[in-house]
Amino acid sequence: MNLERVLFGFVTILALSFTFAFVMGGIDNSSHHNIWLLTIAILVNLIATGLKLGDRSQVGALLLASSLVVDVLLISARVVWVIDANQTALGPGPESMANIVSMAWGALVASIVSVVILVSDTLISRR
């Protein structure tokens, strides 16, 4: 068993899990979404992106591209949250929260694509 591949798979799946954990809940209800969970999802996704930088294969390029999409969407969601945090006492208003969670859902889709590519590449390379 290759420890590097285990770490790579672990961080990639952990990034997907944190993004999934953030998007669960009512799309427009800010009390259902934690800003620190979004921040941790961003950090773990940035680590996953860093691990994908060394691969020069076509699959590696697709993994990196999907990871960059996740990073852009989650960072954009965090920026919108910071800008709109003062709308109400509880955080962003319903419209802003819907935008934030929608961007996180897009990041979740890109993260799922990354994991599917990773799993399919692993299954193909085993043969």
C-alpha atoms as a PDB file:
ATOM      1  CA  MET A   1       0.000   0.000   0.000  1.00  0.00           C
ATOM      2  CA  ASN A   2       1.371   3.396  -1.013  1.00  0.00           C
ATOM      3  CA  LEU A   3       1.099   5.927   1.841  1.00  0.00           C
ATOM      4  CA  GLU A   4       1.154   8.839  -0.616  1.00  0.00           C
ATOM      5  CA  ARG A   5      -1.904   7.487  -2.448  1.00  0.00           C
ATOM      6  CA  VAL A   6      -3.700   6.854   0.831  1.00  0.00           C
ATOM      7  CA  LEU A   7      -3.075  10.443   1.944  1.00  0.00           C
ATOM      8  CA  PHE A   8      -4.144  11.778  -1.467  1.00  0.00           C
ATOM      9  CA  GLY A   9      -7.399   9.798  -1.402  1.00  0.00           C
ATOM     10  CA  PHE A  10      -8.048  10.703   2.227  1.00  0.00           C
ATOM     11  CA  VAL A  11      -7.680  14.447   1.683  1.00  0.00           C
ATOM     12  CA  THR A  12      -9.754  14.369  -1.519  1.00  0.00           C
ATOM     13  CA  ILE A  13     -12.616  12.511   0.160  1.00  0.00           C
ATOM     14  CA  LEU A  14     -12.323  14.674   3.295  1.00  0.00           C
ATOM     15  CA  ALA A  15     -12.654  17.783   1.121  1.00  0.00           C
ATOM     16  CA  LEU A  16     -15.817  16.341  -0.449  1.00  0.00           C
ATOM     17  CA  SER A  17     -17.190  15.508   2.993  1.00  0.00           C
ATOM     18  CA  PHE A  18     -16.645  18.979   4.439  1.00  0.00           C
ATOM     19  CA  THR A  19     -18.261  20.606   1.421  1.00  0.00           C
ATOM     20  CA  PHE A  20     -21.223  18.240   1.744  1.00  0.00           C
ATOM     21  CA  ALA A  21     -21.517  18.987   5.455  1.00  0.00           C
ATOM     22  CA  PHE A  22     -21.669  22.709   4.761  1.00  0.00           C
ATOM     23  CA  VAL A  23     -24.440  22.568   2.139  1.00  0.00           C
ATOM     24  CA  MET A  24     -26.804  20.447   4.225  1.00  0.00           C
ATOM     25  CA  GLY A  25     -29.712  22.435   5.594  1.00  0.00           C
ATOM     26  CA  GLY A  26     -32.141  25.041   4.387  1.00  0.00           C
ATOM     27  CA  ILE A  27     -30.671  26.933   1.464  1.00  0.00           C
ATOM     28  CA  ASP A  28     -31.737  30.357   2.700  1.00  0.00           C
ATOM     29  CA  ASN A  29     -31.406  29.847   6.458  1.00  0.00           C
ATOM     30  CA  SER A  30     -28.056  31.107   7.771  1.00  0.00           C
ATOM     31  CA  SER A  31     -28.482  29.273  11.077  1.00  0.00           C
ATOM     32  CA  HIS A  32     -28.247  25.945   9.162  1.00  0.00           C
ATOM     33  CA  HIS A  33     -24.786  26.771   7.795  1.00  0.00           C
ATOM     34  CA  ASN A  34     -21.648  27.371   9.823  1.00  0.00           C
ATOM     35  CA  ILE A  35     -19.043  29.849   8.601  1.00  0.00           C
ATOM     36  CA  TRP A  36     -16.266  27.842  10.261  1.00  0.00           C
ATOM     37  CA  LEU A  37     -17.331  24.683   8.440  1.00  0.00           C
ATOM     38  CA  LEU A  38     -17.068  26.616   5.178  1.00  0.00           C
ATOM     39  CA  THR A  39     -13.632  27.882   6.192  1.00  0.00           C
ATOM     40  CA  ILE A  40     -12.424  24.369   7.027  1.00  0.00           C
ATOM     41  CA  ALA A  41     -13.826  23.114   3.713  1.00  0.00           C
ATOM     42  CA  ILE A  42     -11.818  25.818   1.918  1.00  0.00           C
ATOM     43  CA  LEU A  43      -8.613  24.906   3.762  1.00  0.00           C
ATOM     44  CA  VAL A  44      -8.965  21.165   3.140  1.00  0.00           C
ATOM     45  CA  ASN A  45      -9.778  21.795  -0.529  1.00  0.00           C
ATOM     46  CA  LEU A  46      -6.683  24.005  -0.869  1.00  0.00           C
ATOM     47  CA  ILE A  47      -4.581  21.173   0.604  1.00  0.00           C
ATOM     48  CA  ALA A  48      -6.181  18.741  -1.862  1.00  0.00           C
ATOM     49  CA  THR A  49      -5.372  21.125  -4.710  1.00  0.00           C
ATOM     50  CA  GLY A  50      -1.771  21.317  -3.558  1.00  0.00           C
ATOM     51  CA  LEU A  51      -1.497  17.524  -3.585  1.00  0.00           C
ATOM     52  CA  LYS A  52      -2.813  17.432  -7.158  1.00  0.00           C
ATOM     53  CA  LEU A  53      -0.196  19.857  -8.509  1.00  0.00           C
ATOM     54  CA  GLY A  54       2.558  17.283  -9.139  1.00  0.00           C
ATOM     55  CA  ASP A  55       0.696  14.918 -11.496  1.00  0.00           C
ATOM     56  CA  ARG A  56       1.444  15.591 -15.185  1.00  0.00           C
ATOM     57  CA  SER A  57      -0.965  13.044 -16.672  1.00  0.00           C
ATOM     58  CA  GLN A  58      -4.278  13.798 -18.399  1.00  0.00           C
ATOM     59  CA  VAL A  59      -6.163  12.445 -15.394  1.00  0.00           C
ATOM     60  CA  GLY A  60      -4.051  14.645 -13.142  1.00  0.00           C
ATOM     61  CA  ALA A  61      -4.991  17.674 -15.248  1.00  0.00           C
ATOM     62  CA  LEU A  62      -8.693  16.857 -14.862  1.00  0.00           C
ATOM     63  CA  LEU A  63      -8.305  16.345 -11.119  1.00  0.00           C
ATOM     64  CA  LEU A  64      -6.501  19.668 -10.796  1.00  0.00           C
ATOM     65  CA  ALA A  65      -9.088  21.475 -12.914  1.00  0.00           C
ATOM     66  CA  SER A  66     -11.995  20.159 -10.846  1.00  0.00           C
ATOM     67  CA  SER A  67     -10.162  21.026  -7.638  1.00  0.00           C
ATOM     68  CA  LEU A  68      -9.528  24.579  -8.856  1.00  0.00           C
ATOM     69  CA  VAL A  69     -13.246  24.945  -9.606  1.00  0.00           C
ATOM     70  CA  VAL A  70     -14.038  23.849  -6.057  1.00  0.00           C
ATOM     71  CA  ASP A  71     -11.537  26.342  -4.643  1.00  0.00           C
ATOM     72  CA  VAL A  72     -12.882  29.256  -6.685  1.00  0.00           C
ATOM     73  CA  LEU A  73     -16.499  28.528  -5.776  1.00  0.00           C
ATOM     74  CA  LEU A  74     -15.874  28.019  -2.051  1.00  0.00           C
ATOM     75  CA  ILE A  75     -13.662  31.097  -1.766  1.00  0.00           C
ATOM     76  CA  SER A  76     -16.287  33.117  -3.640  1.00  0.00           C
ATOM     77  CA  ALA A  77     -18.957  31.857  -1.233  1.00  0.00           C
ATOM     78  CA  ARG A  78     -16.785  32.882   1.734  1.00  0.00           C
ATOM     79  CA  VAL A  79     -16.201  36.355   0.251  1.00  0.00           C
ATOM     80  CA  VAL A  80     -19.951  36.836  -0.251  1.00  0.00           C
ATOM     81  CA  TRP A  81     -20.530  35.733   3.345  1.00  0.00           C
ATOM     82  CA  VAL A  82     -17.996  38.260   4.670  1.00  0.00           C
ATOM     83  CA  ILE A  83     -19.428  41.085   2.563  1.00  0.00           C
ATOM     84  CA  ASP A  84     -23.038  40.326   3.495  1.00  0.00           C
ATOM     85  CA  ALA A  85     -22.452  39.302   7.122  1.00  0.00           C
ATOM     86  CA  ASN A  86     -23.826  42.565   8.476  1.00  0.00           C
ATOM     87  CA  GLN A  87     -27.252  42.339   6.796  1.00  0.00           C
ATOM     88  CA  THR A  88     -28.934  40.883   9.868  1.00  0.00           C
ATOM     89  CA  ALA A  89     -27.930  40.088  13.436  1.00  0.00           C
ATOM     90  CA  LEU A  90     -27.820  36.378  12.527  1.00  0.00           C
ATOM     91  CA  GLY A  91     -25.566  36.804   9.496  1.00  0.00           C
ATOM     92  CA  PRO A  92     -26.322  37.039   5.792  1.00  0.00           C
ATOM     93  CA  GLY A  93     -29.933  37.508   4.743  1.00  0.00           C
ATOM     94  CA  PRO A  94     -31.937  34.796   2.967  1.00  0.00           C
ATOM     95  CA  GLU A  95     -31.045  35.971  -0.552  1.00  0.00           C
ATOM     96  CA  SER A  96     -27.331  36.149   0.201  1.00  0.00           C
ATOM     97  CA  MET A  97     -27.407  32.814   2.003  1.00  0.00           C
ATOM     98  CA  ALA A  98     -29.102  31.214  -0.996  1.00  0.00           C
ATOM     99  CA  ASN A  99     -26.283  32.539  -3.193  1.00  0.00           C
ATOM    100  CA  ILE A 100     -23.611  31.275  -0.787  1.00  0.00           C
ATOM    101  CA  VAL A 101     -25.115  27.796  -0.532  1.00  0.00           C
ATOM    102  CA  SER A 102     -25.701  27.645  -4.297  1.00  0.00           C
ATOM    103  CA  MET A 103     -22.000  28.300  -4.883  1.00  0.00           C
ATOM    104  CA  ALA A 104     -21.153  25.621  -2.331  1.00  0.00           C
ATOM    105  CA  TRP A 105     -23.482  23.183  -4.151  1.00  0.00           C
ATOM    106  CA  GLY A 106     -21.547  23.917  -7.358  1.00  0.00           C
ATOM    107  CA  ALA A 107     -18.335  23.188  -5.480  1.00  0.00           C
ATOM    108  CA  LEU A 108     -19.859  19.948  -4.219  1.00  0.00           C
ATOM    109  CA  VAL A 109     -20.650  18.859  -7.785  1.00  0.00           C
ATOM    110  CA  ALA A 110     -17.079  19.611  -8.891  1.00  0.00           C
ATOM    111  CA  SER A 111     -15.754  17.718  -5.868  1.00  0.00           C
ATOM    112  CA  ILE A 112     -17.914  14.706  -6.735  1.00  0.00           C
ATOM    113  CA  VAL A 113     -16.516  14.816 -10.286  1.00  0.00           C
ATOM    114  CA  SER A 114     -13.006  14.785  -8.801  1.00  0.00           C
ATOM    115  CA  VAL A 115     -13.735  11.760  -6.612  1.00  0.00           C
ATOM    116  CA  VAL A 116     -15.394   9.886  -9.510  1.00  0.00           C
ATOM    117  CA  ILE A 117     -12.334  10.526 -11.691  1.00  0.00           C
ATOM    118  CA  LEU A 118     -10.051   9.402  -8.866  1.00  0.00           C
ATOM    119  CA  VAL A 119     -11.999   6.181  -8.252  1.00  0.00           C
ATOM    120  CA  SER A 120     -12.320   5.339 -11.963  1.00  0.00           C
ATOM    121  CA  ASP A 121      -8.592   5.945 -12.514  1.00  0.00           C
ATOM    122  CA  THR A 122      -7.813   3.694  -9.567  1.00  0.00           C
ATOM    123  CA  LEU A 123     -10.051   0.925 -10.911  1.00  0.00           C
ATOM    124  CA  ILE A 124      -8.539   1.162 -14.384  1.00  0.00           C
ATOM    125  CA  SER A 125      -4.945   1.158 -13.127  1.00  0.00           C
ATOM    126  CA  ARG A 126      -5.549  -2.001 -11.074  1.00  0.00           C
ATOM    127  CA  ARG A 127      -6.162  -4.101 -14.200  1.00  0.00           C
END
